[in-house]
N, C-alpha and C. Protein backbone atom coordinates (compact mmCIF):
# COMPACT_ATOMS: atom_id res chain seq x y z
N UNK A 1 -17.12 77.51 43.54
CA UNK A 1 -17.17 77.73 41.89
C UNK A 1 -18.22 78.96 41.65
N UNK A 2 -17.19 79.98 40.91
CA UNK A 2 -17.54 81.30 40.48
C UNK A 2 -18.10 81.68 39.07
N UNK A 3 -19.27 81.72 38.29
CA UNK A 3 -19.19 82.60 37.33
C UNK A 3 -18.93 83.97 36.82
N UNK A 4 -18.58 84.16 36.04
CA UNK A 4 -18.31 85.44 35.56
C UNK A 4 -19.09 85.14 33.74
N UNK A 5 -20.58 85.42 33.66
CA UNK A 5 -21.30 85.68 32.58
C UNK A 5 -20.71 87.21 31.71
N UNK A 6 -20.81 86.94 30.43
CA UNK A 6 -20.74 87.74 29.63
C UNK A 6 -19.41 88.34 29.81
N UNK A 7 -18.94 87.97 29.99
CA UNK A 7 -16.96 87.90 30.54
C UNK A 7 -16.23 89.33 29.34
N UNK A 8 -16.28 89.23 28.05
CA UNK A 8 -15.49 89.93 27.28
C UNK A 8 -14.22 89.37 27.16
N UNK A 9 -13.51 90.77 27.45
CA UNK A 9 -12.32 90.73 28.08
C UNK A 9 -11.42 90.43 29.36
N UNK A 10 -12.84 90.08 30.22
CA UNK A 10 -11.87 90.16 31.40
C UNK A 10 -12.32 89.09 32.22
N UNK A 11 -11.42 87.97 32.01
CA UNK A 11 -11.20 86.17 32.08
C UNK A 11 -10.16 85.87 33.01
N UNK A 12 -10.23 86.36 34.42
CA UNK A 12 -9.53 86.30 35.86
C UNK A 12 -9.47 84.64 36.05
N UNK A 13 -8.32 84.39 36.81
CA UNK A 13 -8.29 82.93 36.74
C UNK A 13 -9.57 83.11 38.12
N UNK A 14 -9.83 82.02 38.43
CA UNK A 14 -10.12 81.38 39.77
C UNK A 14 -11.86 81.42 39.55
N UNK A 15 -12.60 81.82 38.13
CA UNK A 15 -13.76 82.57 37.85
C UNK A 15 -13.75 81.44 36.28
N UNK A 16 -15.16 81.03 36.11
CA UNK A 16 -15.90 80.03 34.83
C UNK A 16 -16.17 81.35 34.30
N UNK A 17 -15.08 81.95 32.89
CA UNK A 17 -15.84 83.01 32.50
C UNK A 17 -16.47 82.43 31.02
N UNK A 18 -17.72 83.34 31.09
CA UNK A 18 -19.03 82.58 30.20
C UNK A 18 -19.21 83.58 29.08
N UNK A 19 -18.36 83.40 28.06
CA UNK A 19 -19.39 84.39 26.99
C UNK A 19 -19.97 84.09 25.65
N UNK A 20 -21.04 84.15 25.18
CA UNK A 20 -21.83 83.73 23.92
C UNK A 20 -21.72 84.56 22.85
N UNK A 21 -21.05 85.63 22.94
CA UNK A 21 -20.66 86.82 22.00
C UNK A 21 -21.00 85.41 20.73
N UNK A 22 -20.77 86.45 19.53
CA UNK A 22 -19.85 85.54 17.83
C UNK A 22 -18.53 85.63 17.80
N UNK A 23 -17.89 86.30 18.47
CA UNK A 23 -16.48 86.36 18.73
C UNK A 23 -16.33 85.07 19.26
N UNK A 24 -16.63 85.36 21.01
CA UNK A 24 -16.28 84.25 21.52
C UNK A 24 -16.42 82.36 20.89
N UNK A 25 -17.65 82.65 20.29
CA UNK A 25 -17.85 81.23 19.54
C UNK A 25 -17.16 80.67 18.20
N UNK A 26 -16.50 81.92 17.41
CA UNK A 26 -15.81 81.68 16.96
C UNK A 26 -14.37 81.13 17.44
N UNK A 27 -13.92 81.82 18.49
CA UNK A 27 -12.76 81.72 18.71
C UNK A 27 -13.08 80.08 19.52
N UNK A 28 -13.41 79.64 20.20
CA UNK A 28 -13.59 79.20 20.82
C UNK A 28 -14.26 77.31 19.94
N UNK A 29 -14.88 77.31 19.19
CA UNK A 29 -15.49 76.06 18.51
C UNK A 29 -14.55 75.37 16.99
N UNK A 30 -13.83 76.91 16.70
CA UNK A 30 -13.30 77.12 15.46
C UNK A 30 -11.88 77.67 15.46
N UNK A 31 -11.46 77.54 16.11
CA UNK A 31 -9.89 78.09 16.66
C UNK A 31 -9.10 78.39 15.30
N UNK A 32 -8.76 77.97 14.19
CA UNK A 32 -8.53 77.41 12.99
C UNK A 32 -8.84 78.46 12.21
N UNK A 33 -10.39 78.45 12.19
CA UNK A 33 -10.87 79.45 11.41
C UNK A 33 -10.99 80.91 12.19
N UNK A 34 -10.80 81.26 13.17
CA UNK A 34 -10.42 82.77 13.69
C UNK A 34 -9.14 83.17 13.30
N UNK A 35 -7.97 82.03 13.97
CA UNK A 35 -6.56 82.42 13.56
C UNK A 35 -6.64 82.85 11.71
N UNK A 36 -6.94 82.09 11.00
CA UNK A 36 -7.01 82.46 9.28
C UNK A 36 -7.68 83.86 9.16
N UNK A 37 -8.44 84.18 10.00
CA UNK A 37 -9.25 85.03 9.48
C UNK A 37 -7.93 86.39 10.07
N UNK A 38 -7.50 86.25 11.41
CA UNK A 38 -7.22 86.90 11.44
C UNK A 38 -5.77 87.66 10.90
N UNK A 39 -4.88 85.96 9.99
CA UNK A 39 -3.57 85.87 9.92
C UNK A 39 -4.23 87.17 8.60
N UNK A 40 -5.42 87.07 8.03
CA UNK A 40 -6.32 87.35 6.38
C UNK A 40 -6.54 89.54 6.93
N UNK A 41 -6.37 89.51 8.35
CA UNK A 41 -6.31 90.84 8.27
C UNK A 41 -7.88 91.28 8.70
N UNK A 42 -8.86 89.92 8.08
CA UNK A 42 -10.21 90.27 8.61
C UNK A 42 -10.18 90.11 9.40
N UNK A 43 -10.14 89.72 10.84
CA UNK A 43 -9.86 90.14 12.23
C UNK A 43 -8.96 90.45 12.77
N UNK A 44 -9.84 91.14 14.19
CA UNK A 44 -8.37 91.14 14.74
C UNK A 44 -8.10 90.37 15.67
N UNK A 45 -6.54 90.85 16.42
CA UNK A 45 -6.43 89.47 17.71
C UNK A 45 -7.59 89.16 18.53
N UNK A 46 -8.13 88.07 18.76
CA UNK A 46 -9.43 87.57 19.39
C UNK A 46 -8.40 88.09 21.35
N UNK A 47 -9.68 88.45 21.55
CA UNK A 47 -9.58 89.03 23.12
C UNK A 47 -9.69 87.29 24.11
N UNK A 48 -10.97 86.56 23.45
CA UNK A 48 -11.01 85.61 24.39
C UNK A 48 -9.77 84.47 24.45
N UNK A 49 -9.35 83.89 25.74
CA UNK A 49 -8.67 82.51 26.09
C UNK A 49 -9.12 81.39 26.02
N UNK A 50 -8.22 80.61 25.67
CA UNK A 50 -8.44 78.92 25.99
C UNK A 50 -9.21 78.28 27.22
N UNK A 51 -10.42 78.07 27.39
CA UNK A 51 -10.96 77.88 28.77
C UNK A 51 -12.07 78.51 29.15
N UNK A 52 -12.63 79.40 27.59
CA UNK A 52 -13.75 80.09 27.70
C UNK A 52 -14.98 79.39 27.84
N UNK A 53 -15.74 79.42 28.53
CA UNK A 53 -16.80 78.63 28.45
C UNK A 53 -17.57 79.23 27.34
N UNK A 54 -18.30 79.12 26.60
CA UNK A 54 -19.21 79.41 25.38
C UNK A 54 -20.27 78.82 25.32
N UNK A 55 -21.39 79.61 26.54
CA UNK A 55 -22.97 79.28 27.25
C UNK A 55 -23.13 80.43 26.56
N UNK A 56 -24.51 79.34 25.99
CA UNK A 56 -25.58 80.28 25.77
C UNK A 56 -26.34 80.77 26.87
N UNK A 57 -26.50 81.55 27.31
CA UNK A 57 -27.36 81.89 28.47
C UNK A 57 -29.11 82.78 28.57
N UNK A 58 -29.39 82.02 27.32
CA UNK A 58 -30.70 82.13 26.52
C UNK A 58 -31.75 80.56 27.03
N UNK A 59 -30.62 79.74 26.98
CA UNK A 59 -30.97 78.15 27.44
C UNK A 59 -30.90 77.81 29.30
N UNK A 60 -31.15 76.97 29.08
CA UNK A 60 -30.85 76.44 30.65
C UNK A 60 -29.46 76.17 31.10
N UNK A 61 -28.42 76.39 31.83
CA UNK A 61 -27.95 76.41 32.66
C UNK A 61 -27.13 75.01 32.56
N UNK A 62 -26.03 75.07 32.11
CA UNK A 62 -25.28 73.51 32.18
C UNK A 62 -24.75 73.61 33.77
N UNK A 63 -24.93 74.03 34.69
CA UNK A 63 -24.31 74.18 35.57
C UNK A 63 -25.33 73.27 37.03
N UNK A 64 -24.99 72.30 37.94
CA UNK A 64 -25.85 71.41 38.76
C UNK A 64 -26.74 72.51 39.96
N UNK A 65 -27.91 72.26 40.36
CA UNK A 65 -28.91 72.67 40.91
C UNK A 65 -27.67 73.15 42.27
N UNK A 66 -27.67 73.98 42.96
CA UNK A 66 -27.17 74.81 44.03
C UNK A 66 -25.57 73.82 44.42
N UNK A 67 -24.80 74.70 42.88
CA UNK A 67 -23.28 74.47 42.65
C UNK A 67 -22.70 74.91 43.00
N UNK A 68 -22.93 76.32 42.57
CA UNK A 68 -22.34 77.63 42.30
C UNK A 68 -22.64 78.73 43.60
N UNK A 69 -21.36 78.93 43.88
CA UNK A 69 -20.74 79.63 45.43
C UNK A 69 -21.05 81.64 45.27
N UNK A 70 -20.97 82.13 43.74
CA UNK A 70 -21.52 83.40 42.92
C UNK A 70 -21.50 83.66 41.69
N UNK A 71 -21.68 84.80 41.75
CA UNK A 71 -22.07 84.68 39.98
C UNK A 71 -22.28 86.22 39.74
N UNK A 72 -21.22 86.20 38.73
CA UNK A 72 -21.22 87.90 38.71
C UNK A 72 -22.07 88.25 37.41
N UNK A 73 -22.07 89.38 36.23
CA UNK A 73 -22.92 89.58 35.47
C UNK A 73 -22.62 91.03 34.89
N UNK A 74 -21.50 91.53 34.63
CA UNK A 74 -20.92 92.89 33.79
C UNK A 74 -22.07 93.42 32.29
N UNK A 75 -22.61 94.41 32.67
CA UNK A 75 -23.28 94.70 31.43
C UNK A 75 -23.53 93.45 30.40
N UNK A 76 -24.27 92.79 31.34
CA UNK A 76 -24.73 91.75 29.72
C UNK A 76 -26.33 91.62 29.81
N UNK A 77 -26.64 91.68 30.79
CA UNK A 77 -28.37 91.86 31.09
C UNK A 77 -29.18 92.74 30.50
N UNK A 78 -28.18 93.83 29.80
CA UNK A 78 -29.45 94.35 28.99
C UNK A 78 -29.49 94.53 27.51
N UNK A 79 -29.17 92.86 27.60
CA UNK A 79 -28.77 91.87 26.14
C UNK A 79 -29.90 91.19 25.62
N UNK A 80 -30.56 90.93 27.20
CA UNK A 80 -31.68 90.48 26.61
C UNK A 80 -32.73 91.28 26.41
N UNK A 81 -34.11 90.26 26.62
CA UNK A 81 -35.18 90.67 26.68
C UNK A 81 -36.05 90.85 27.69
N UNK A 82 -36.66 91.53 28.62
CA UNK A 82 -36.61 91.60 29.79
C UNK A 82 -37.02 90.17 30.35
N UNK A 83 -38.37 89.63 29.11
CA UNK A 83 -38.67 87.95 29.53
C UNK A 83 -37.68 87.51 29.82
N UNK A 84 -36.27 87.11 28.63
CA UNK A 84 -35.02 86.11 28.72
C UNK A 84 -34.51 86.38 29.93
N UNK A 85 -34.10 87.91 30.11
CA UNK A 85 -33.24 88.36 31.58
C UNK A 85 -34.70 87.63 32.73
N UNK A 86 -35.32 87.97 32.97
CA UNK A 86 -36.25 87.24 33.63
C UNK A 86 -36.05 85.52 34.39
N UNK A 87 -35.39 84.82 33.07
CA UNK A 87 -35.36 83.33 32.87
C UNK A 87 -34.04 83.29 33.00
N UNK A 88 -33.34 84.31 32.93
CA UNK A 88 -31.19 84.01 33.29
C UNK A 88 -31.69 84.07 34.53
N UNK A 89 -32.39 85.05 35.37
CA UNK A 89 -32.20 85.23 36.47
C UNK A 89 -32.22 83.92 37.60
N UNK A 90 -33.83 83.66 37.36
CA UNK A 90 -34.43 82.18 37.41
C UNK A 90 -32.87 81.17 37.74
N UNK A 91 -32.25 81.18 36.44
CA UNK A 91 -31.56 80.18 36.18
C UNK A 91 -30.15 80.24 37.38
N UNK A 92 -30.06 81.91 37.36
CA UNK A 92 -28.52 81.86 38.44
C UNK A 92 -28.94 81.54 39.80
N UNK A 93 -30.61 81.68 39.32
CA UNK A 93 -30.75 81.12 41.52
C UNK A 93 -31.40 79.59 41.70
N UNK A 94 -31.18 79.01 40.35
CA UNK A 94 -31.20 77.87 40.57
C UNK A 94 -30.07 77.03 40.74
N UNK A 95 -28.71 77.81 39.99
CA UNK A 95 -27.50 77.11 40.01
C UNK A 95 -27.02 76.88 41.70
N UNK A 96 -27.24 78.41 42.42
CA UNK A 96 -26.55 78.97 43.05
C UNK A 96 -27.12 78.35 44.16
N UNK A 97 -26.05 78.15 45.12
CA UNK A 97 -26.10 77.43 46.05
C UNK A 97 -26.49 77.71 47.52
N UNK A 98 -27.69 77.45 48.23
CA UNK A 98 -27.95 78.47 49.22
C UNK A 98 -27.25 79.33 50.31
N UNK A 99 -27.34 80.96 50.15
CA UNK A 99 -26.72 81.31 50.38
C UNK A 99 -25.67 82.21 49.81
N UNK A 100 -25.68 81.55 48.55
CA UNK A 100 -24.70 82.39 47.02
C UNK A 100 -25.63 83.62 46.42
N UNK A 101 -24.38 84.35 46.09
CA UNK A 101 -24.75 85.40 46.08
C UNK A 101 -24.76 85.95 44.41
N UNK A 102 -25.66 86.77 43.69
CA UNK A 102 -25.97 87.40 42.80
C UNK A 102 -26.10 88.69 42.13
N UNK A 103 -25.01 89.27 41.47
CA UNK A 103 -24.38 90.43 41.49
C UNK A 103 -24.76 90.82 40.08
N UNK A 104 -25.35 91.69 39.68
CA UNK A 104 -25.15 92.16 38.29
C UNK A 104 -25.42 93.97 38.29
N UNK A 105 -24.34 93.88 37.52
CA UNK A 105 -23.75 95.60 37.26
C UNK A 105 -24.20 95.66 35.43
N UNK A 106 -25.62 96.57 35.63
CA UNK A 106 -26.19 97.21 34.29
C UNK A 106 -26.26 98.28 34.30
N UNK A 107 -26.57 99.46 32.97
CA UNK A 107 -25.96 101.22 32.32
C UNK A 107 -27.27 101.30 33.10
N UNK A 108 -27.48 102.25 33.79
CA UNK A 108 -28.56 103.18 34.70
C UNK A 108 -29.58 103.65 33.96
N UNK A 109 -30.83 102.89 33.95
CA UNK A 109 -31.43 103.22 32.86
C UNK A 109 -32.16 104.91 33.63
N UNK A 110 -32.19 104.76 34.48
CA UNK A 110 -32.45 106.66 35.61
C UNK A 110 -31.87 107.52 34.81
N UNK A 111 -30.30 107.62 35.32
CA UNK A 111 -28.95 107.92 34.61
C UNK A 111 -29.12 108.76 33.15
N UNK A 112 -29.32 107.77 33.14
CA UNK A 112 -29.57 108.41 30.99
C UNK A 112 -30.62 109.11 30.91
N UNK A 113 -31.41 108.60 31.25
CA UNK A 113 -32.77 109.57 31.02
C UNK A 113 -33.50 110.92 31.62
N UNK A 114 -32.74 111.12 32.98
CA UNK A 114 -32.14 112.05 34.11
C UNK A 114 -31.21 112.94 33.19
N UNK A 115 -30.25 112.77 32.64
CA UNK A 115 -29.20 113.30 31.79
C UNK A 115 -30.44 113.88 30.36
N UNK A 116 -30.88 113.75 29.84
CA UNK A 116 -31.84 113.97 28.36
C UNK A 116 -32.63 115.02 29.13
N UNK A 117 -33.14 114.74 30.52
CA UNK A 117 -34.84 115.60 30.82
C UNK A 117 -33.56 116.52 31.19
N UNK A 118 -33.00 117.11 31.82
CA UNK A 118 -31.68 117.96 32.71
C UNK A 118 -31.85 119.13 31.39
N UNK A 119 -31.33 118.33 30.29
CA UNK A 119 -30.68 119.04 29.27
C UNK A 119 -31.88 120.10 28.27
N UNK A 120 -33.08 118.96 28.17
CA UNK A 120 -34.19 119.07 27.96
C UNK A 120 -34.95 120.53 28.48
N UNK A 121 -34.70 120.36 29.85
CA UNK A 121 -35.68 121.16 30.70
C UNK A 121 -34.83 123.07 30.83
N UNK A 122 -33.27 122.37 30.75
CA UNK A 122 -32.23 123.80 30.02
C UNK A 122 -32.43 124.43 29.42
N UNK A 123 -32.71 123.64 28.61
CA UNK A 123 -33.22 123.87 26.56
C UNK A 123 -34.63 125.20 26.26
N UNK A 124 -35.46 124.30 26.99
CA UNK A 124 -36.75 124.81 27.28
C UNK A 124 -36.97 126.13 28.29
N UNK A 125 -36.13 126.58 29.08
CA UNK A 125 -35.91 127.88 29.91
C UNK A 125 -35.67 128.43 29.34
N UNK A 126 -34.84 128.42 28.09
CA UNK A 126 -34.59 129.96 27.50
C UNK A 126 -35.35 130.58 26.63
N UNK A 127 -35.44 131.63 26.31
CA UNK A 127 -35.87 132.34 25.00
C UNK A 127 -36.11 131.32 23.68
N UNK A 128 -37.66 131.45 23.42
CA UNK A 128 -37.73 130.43 22.33
C UNK A 128 -36.65 130.62 21.03
N UNK A 129 -36.30 131.79 20.83
CA UNK A 129 -35.26 132.30 19.62
C UNK A 129 -34.08 131.65 20.00
N UNK A 130 -33.32 130.96 21.29
CA UNK A 130 -32.65 130.77 21.77
C UNK A 130 -33.19 129.29 21.59
N UNK A 131 -33.62 128.80 20.97
CA UNK A 131 -34.43 126.81 21.17
C UNK A 131 -32.77 126.20 19.86
N UNK A 132 -32.54 125.14 20.66
CA UNK A 132 -31.57 124.49 19.56
C UNK A 132 -32.17 122.92 19.61
N UNK A 133 -32.10 121.62 19.24
CA UNK A 133 -32.04 120.60 19.49
C UNK A 133 -30.65 119.63 19.93
N UNK A 134 -30.03 120.09 20.86
CA UNK A 134 -28.62 120.44 21.51
C UNK A 134 -28.91 118.46 21.81
N UNK A 135 -29.70 119.34 22.91
CA UNK A 135 -30.07 117.65 23.73
C UNK A 135 -31.02 116.55 23.25
N UNK A 136 -31.32 116.77 21.64
CA UNK A 136 -31.76 115.60 21.37
C UNK A 136 -29.99 114.34 20.76
N UNK A 137 -29.19 115.19 21.30
CA UNK A 137 -27.99 114.28 21.57
C UNK A 137 -28.26 112.58 22.01
N UNK A 138 -28.98 112.51 23.48
CA UNK A 138 -29.22 111.74 24.22
C UNK A 138 -29.88 110.96 23.79
N UNK A 139 -31.29 111.35 22.60
CA UNK A 139 -31.76 110.55 21.83
C UNK A 139 -31.03 109.79 20.80
N UNK A 140 -30.70 110.81 20.18
CA UNK A 140 -29.96 109.65 18.91
C UNK A 140 -28.82 108.73 19.21
N UNK A 141 -27.49 109.42 20.84
CA UNK A 141 -27.07 108.36 21.25
C UNK A 141 -28.21 106.88 21.44
N UNK A 142 -29.37 106.92 22.21
CA UNK A 142 -30.11 105.65 22.15
C UNK A 142 -30.07 104.45 21.10
N UNK A 143 -30.89 105.13 20.01
CA UNK A 143 -30.86 104.97 18.82
C UNK A 143 -30.00 104.50 18.04
N UNK A 144 -28.90 105.69 18.47
CA UNK A 144 -27.87 105.13 16.67
C UNK A 144 -26.62 104.27 17.34
N UNK A 145 -26.28 103.92 18.87
CA UNK A 145 -25.62 103.83 19.35
C UNK A 145 -26.15 102.69 20.05
N UNK A 146 -26.80 102.84 21.44
CA UNK A 146 -27.35 101.80 22.40
C UNK A 146 -28.41 100.72 21.84
N UNK A 147 -29.59 101.55 20.99
CA UNK A 147 -30.48 100.44 20.72
C UNK A 147 -30.06 99.91 19.46
N UNK A 148 -28.99 99.44 18.84
CA UNK A 148 -28.80 98.98 17.65
C UNK A 148 -28.94 97.86 16.99
N UNK A 149 -29.60 97.68 15.42
CA UNK A 149 -29.96 95.87 15.19
C UNK A 149 -28.36 95.46 15.14
N UNK A 150 -28.17 94.36 14.35
CA UNK A 150 -27.11 93.71 14.45
C UNK A 150 -26.89 93.68 12.31
N UNK A 151 -25.64 93.98 12.46
CA UNK A 151 -25.09 93.81 11.04
C UNK A 151 -24.48 93.34 10.24
N UNK A 152 -24.19 93.10 9.15
CA UNK A 152 -23.06 92.27 8.02
C UNK A 152 -22.42 92.79 9.10
N UNK A 153 -20.98 91.63 9.53
CA UNK A 153 -19.72 92.34 10.30
C UNK A 153 -19.43 92.27 11.65
N UNK A 154 -21.04 92.74 11.82
CA UNK A 154 -21.27 92.98 13.65
C UNK A 154 -21.11 91.93 14.56
N UNK A 155 -19.92 92.02 15.58
CA UNK A 155 -19.68 91.15 16.30
C UNK A 155 -20.00 91.69 17.96
N UNK A 156 -20.68 92.67 17.93
CA UNK A 156 -21.24 92.86 19.61
C UNK A 156 -23.18 92.86 19.32
N UNK A 157 -23.31 92.97 20.30
CA UNK A 157 -25.32 93.07 20.85
C UNK A 157 -25.55 93.85 21.01
N UNK A 158 -26.58 93.65 20.17
CA UNK A 158 -27.99 95.37 20.81
C UNK A 158 -28.12 95.21 22.01
N UNK A 159 -28.67 96.82 22.67
CA UNK A 159 -29.74 96.39 24.05
C UNK A 159 -31.38 96.16 24.08
N UNK A 160 -31.65 95.29 24.10
CA UNK A 160 -33.35 95.15 24.34
C UNK A 160 -34.03 95.36 25.49
N UNK A 161 -33.05 95.46 26.09
CA UNK A 161 -34.05 96.70 27.74
C UNK A 161 -33.23 97.32 28.58
N UNK A 162 -33.42 97.93 29.33
CA UNK A 162 -32.83 98.95 30.27
C UNK A 162 -33.68 98.43 31.70
N UNK A 163 -32.29 98.74 32.70
CA UNK A 163 -32.86 98.55 33.91
C UNK A 163 -32.80 100.34 35.07
N UNK A 164 -33.52 100.27 35.87
CA UNK A 164 -33.07 101.52 36.85
C UNK A 164 -33.41 100.43 38.29
N UNK A 165 -32.75 101.02 39.68
CA UNK A 165 -32.65 100.84 40.32
C UNK A 165 -33.67 99.92 40.73
N UNK A 166 -34.42 100.45 40.97
CA UNK A 166 -36.37 99.78 41.17
C UNK A 166 -36.39 98.88 40.79
N UNK A 167 -36.55 98.99 39.55
CA UNK A 167 -36.64 97.61 38.24
C UNK A 167 -35.73 95.99 38.35
N UNK A 168 -34.98 96.62 38.79
CA UNK A 168 -33.55 95.43 39.04
C UNK A 168 -33.62 94.79 40.59
N UNK A 169 -33.75 96.03 41.21
CA UNK A 169 -34.32 95.45 42.68
C UNK A 169 -35.80 94.66 42.38
N UNK A 170 -35.84 95.01 41.93
CA UNK A 170 -37.87 94.18 41.90
C UNK A 170 -37.49 92.81 41.29
N UNK A 171 -36.93 93.04 40.32
CA UNK A 171 -36.80 91.45 39.02
C UNK A 171 -35.71 90.70 40.40
N UNK A 172 -34.72 91.16 41.02
CA UNK A 172 -34.26 90.57 42.21
C UNK A 172 -35.32 89.19 42.90
N UNK A 173 -35.95 90.14 43.49
CA UNK A 173 -37.04 89.77 44.55
C UNK A 173 -37.79 88.76 44.07
N UNK A 174 -38.52 89.24 42.61
CA UNK A 174 -39.55 88.41 41.84
C UNK A 174 -39.04 86.60 41.66
N UNK A 175 -37.46 87.07 41.94
CA UNK A 175 -37.24 85.05 41.09
C UNK A 175 -36.44 83.98 42.68
N UNK A 176 -36.53 85.18 43.77
CA UNK A 176 -36.64 84.42 45.05
C UNK A 176 -35.14 85.20 45.83
N UNK A 177 -34.77 86.04 45.52
CA UNK A 177 -33.54 86.60 46.07
C UNK A 177 -33.76 87.57 47.46
N UNK A 178 -32.84 87.97 48.30
CA UNK A 178 -34.02 88.12 49.72
C UNK A 178 -32.44 89.36 49.77
N UNK A 179 -32.17 90.14 50.65
CA UNK A 179 -31.24 91.28 51.19
C UNK A 179 -30.36 91.72 49.72
N UNK A 180 -31.28 91.84 49.06
CA UNK A 180 -31.53 92.54 47.69
C UNK A 180 -31.18 94.07 48.02
N UNK A 181 -30.01 94.72 46.97
CA UNK A 181 -30.11 96.49 47.35
C UNK A 181 -28.62 96.62 46.08
N UNK A 182 -29.00 97.95 46.25
CA UNK A 182 -28.43 98.65 45.29
C UNK A 182 -26.68 98.12 45.77
N UNK A 183 -25.87 98.12 45.71
CA UNK A 183 -24.14 98.50 45.82
C UNK A 183 -23.17 99.10 45.46
N UNK A 184 -22.13 99.80 45.76
CA UNK A 184 -21.04 100.43 45.25
C UNK A 184 -20.40 99.75 45.00
N UNK A 185 -19.83 100.56 43.59
CA UNK A 185 -18.24 100.00 43.03
C UNK A 185 -17.46 99.40 44.40
N UNK A 186 -17.13 97.71 43.86
CA UNK A 186 -16.87 96.98 45.13
C UNK A 186 -17.00 96.54 45.84
N UNK A 187 -18.17 96.69 46.78
CA UNK A 187 -18.87 96.24 47.69
C UNK A 187 -20.03 95.68 47.61
N UNK A 188 -19.11 94.94 47.74
CA UNK A 188 -19.78 93.14 47.99
C UNK A 188 -19.10 91.86 48.57
N UNK A 189 -20.24 90.87 48.85
CA UNK A 189 -20.28 90.00 49.45
C UNK A 189 -19.54 88.77 48.64
N UNK A 190 -18.91 89.19 47.86
CA UNK A 190 -18.03 88.55 46.84
C UNK A 190 -16.68 88.71 46.78
N UNK A 191 -15.57 87.91 47.55
CA UNK A 191 -14.39 88.93 48.13
C UNK A 191 -13.32 89.56 46.97
N UNK A 192 -13.64 88.32 46.25
CA UNK A 192 -12.28 88.47 45.09
C UNK A 192 -13.27 89.62 43.88
N UNK A 193 -14.28 90.85 44.16
CA UNK A 193 -14.70 91.11 42.95
C UNK A 193 -13.88 92.18 42.57
N UNK A 194 -12.35 92.43 42.71
CA UNK A 194 -11.98 92.97 41.91
C UNK A 194 -11.81 92.73 40.73
N UNK A 195 -11.31 91.55 40.80
CA UNK A 195 -10.92 90.54 39.71
C UNK A 195 -11.90 90.71 38.63
N UNK A 196 -13.29 90.78 39.04
CA UNK A 196 -14.21 90.77 37.68
C UNK A 196 -14.93 91.60 37.30
N UNK A 197 -14.76 93.14 38.06
CA UNK A 197 -16.15 94.45 38.27
C UNK A 197 -15.01 95.31 38.25
N UNK A 198 -15.34 96.08 36.45
CA UNK A 198 -13.72 96.87 36.23
C UNK A 198 -14.00 98.33 36.01
N UNK A 199 -15.57 98.61 36.60
CA UNK A 199 -16.17 99.71 36.55
C UNK A 199 -17.81 99.89 37.36
N UNK A 200 -18.39 101.29 37.26
CA UNK A 200 -19.26 101.41 37.81
C UNK A 200 -20.19 101.57 37.20
N UNK A 201 -21.16 101.71 37.69
CA UNK A 201 -22.77 101.35 36.86
C UNK A 201 -23.59 101.33 37.67
N UNK A 202 -24.57 101.39 37.55
CA UNK A 202 -25.89 100.43 38.47
C UNK A 202 -25.35 99.00 39.05
N UNK A 203 -25.76 98.71 40.08
CA UNK A 203 -24.98 97.07 40.56
C UNK A 203 -25.83 96.93 41.30
N UNK A 204 -26.89 95.58 40.86
CA UNK A 204 -27.68 95.33 42.12
C UNK A 204 -26.33 93.95 42.87
N UNK A 205 -27.68 93.93 44.23
CA UNK A 205 -26.74 92.22 44.38
C UNK A 205 -27.96 91.71 45.34
N UNK A 206 -28.18 90.38 44.92
CA UNK A 206 -28.66 89.34 45.84
C UNK A 206 -28.16 87.94 46.67
N UNK A 207 -28.96 87.10 47.38
CA UNK A 207 -28.49 85.86 48.26
C UNK A 207 -29.94 85.21 47.92
N UNK A 208 -29.18 83.86 47.44
CA UNK A 208 -30.42 82.92 47.80
C UNK A 208 -30.45 82.45 49.12
N UNK A 209 -31.98 82.47 49.32
CA UNK A 209 -32.18 81.92 50.73
C UNK A 209 -31.21 80.83 51.03
N UNK A 210 -31.36 80.86 52.65
CA UNK A 210 -30.10 79.45 53.25
C UNK A 210 -31.83 78.24 53.37
């Protein structure tokens, strides 16, 4: 068994596709209402298919200890607070069988703020008369588009934490994973990773000790 946590529209066969977003819950628990809202043009067609597991990842996972071969999470761990992300990682380790693989892909905090710093330093090096606040677009992006609060009619999730390579590797090791390292896009111990990994970013993988 392989879990695809926070799957969104990426729902391949052969994986247990898990999503607890507002729309996923609506589409799986109240499908008639979802279809009615689509017909009324309040919502667009849902991306969530029958068979989706609408599991709350902030609670105990419903799978048995040592029962899962692999777990993948793509762009979902950043939607948890640091404490809740750690709790989820511990639950992932619990349900993984010995030798099972956990792989997470998240936005790279170091890359994001590295872009800000490069543009800031370039602006600061200009003559004072040429200064602008163009580099602040990274700050604006963070507060306007990334770390945003839910609003009425908002079916997405805002970011509550950000990881870099060091902090994510340390988080994996703290919950007991071994052979933890940053991995390249589609370079994985999970044979059919291409079914769930659709883009590159900060990707870390670890193994539950045997």
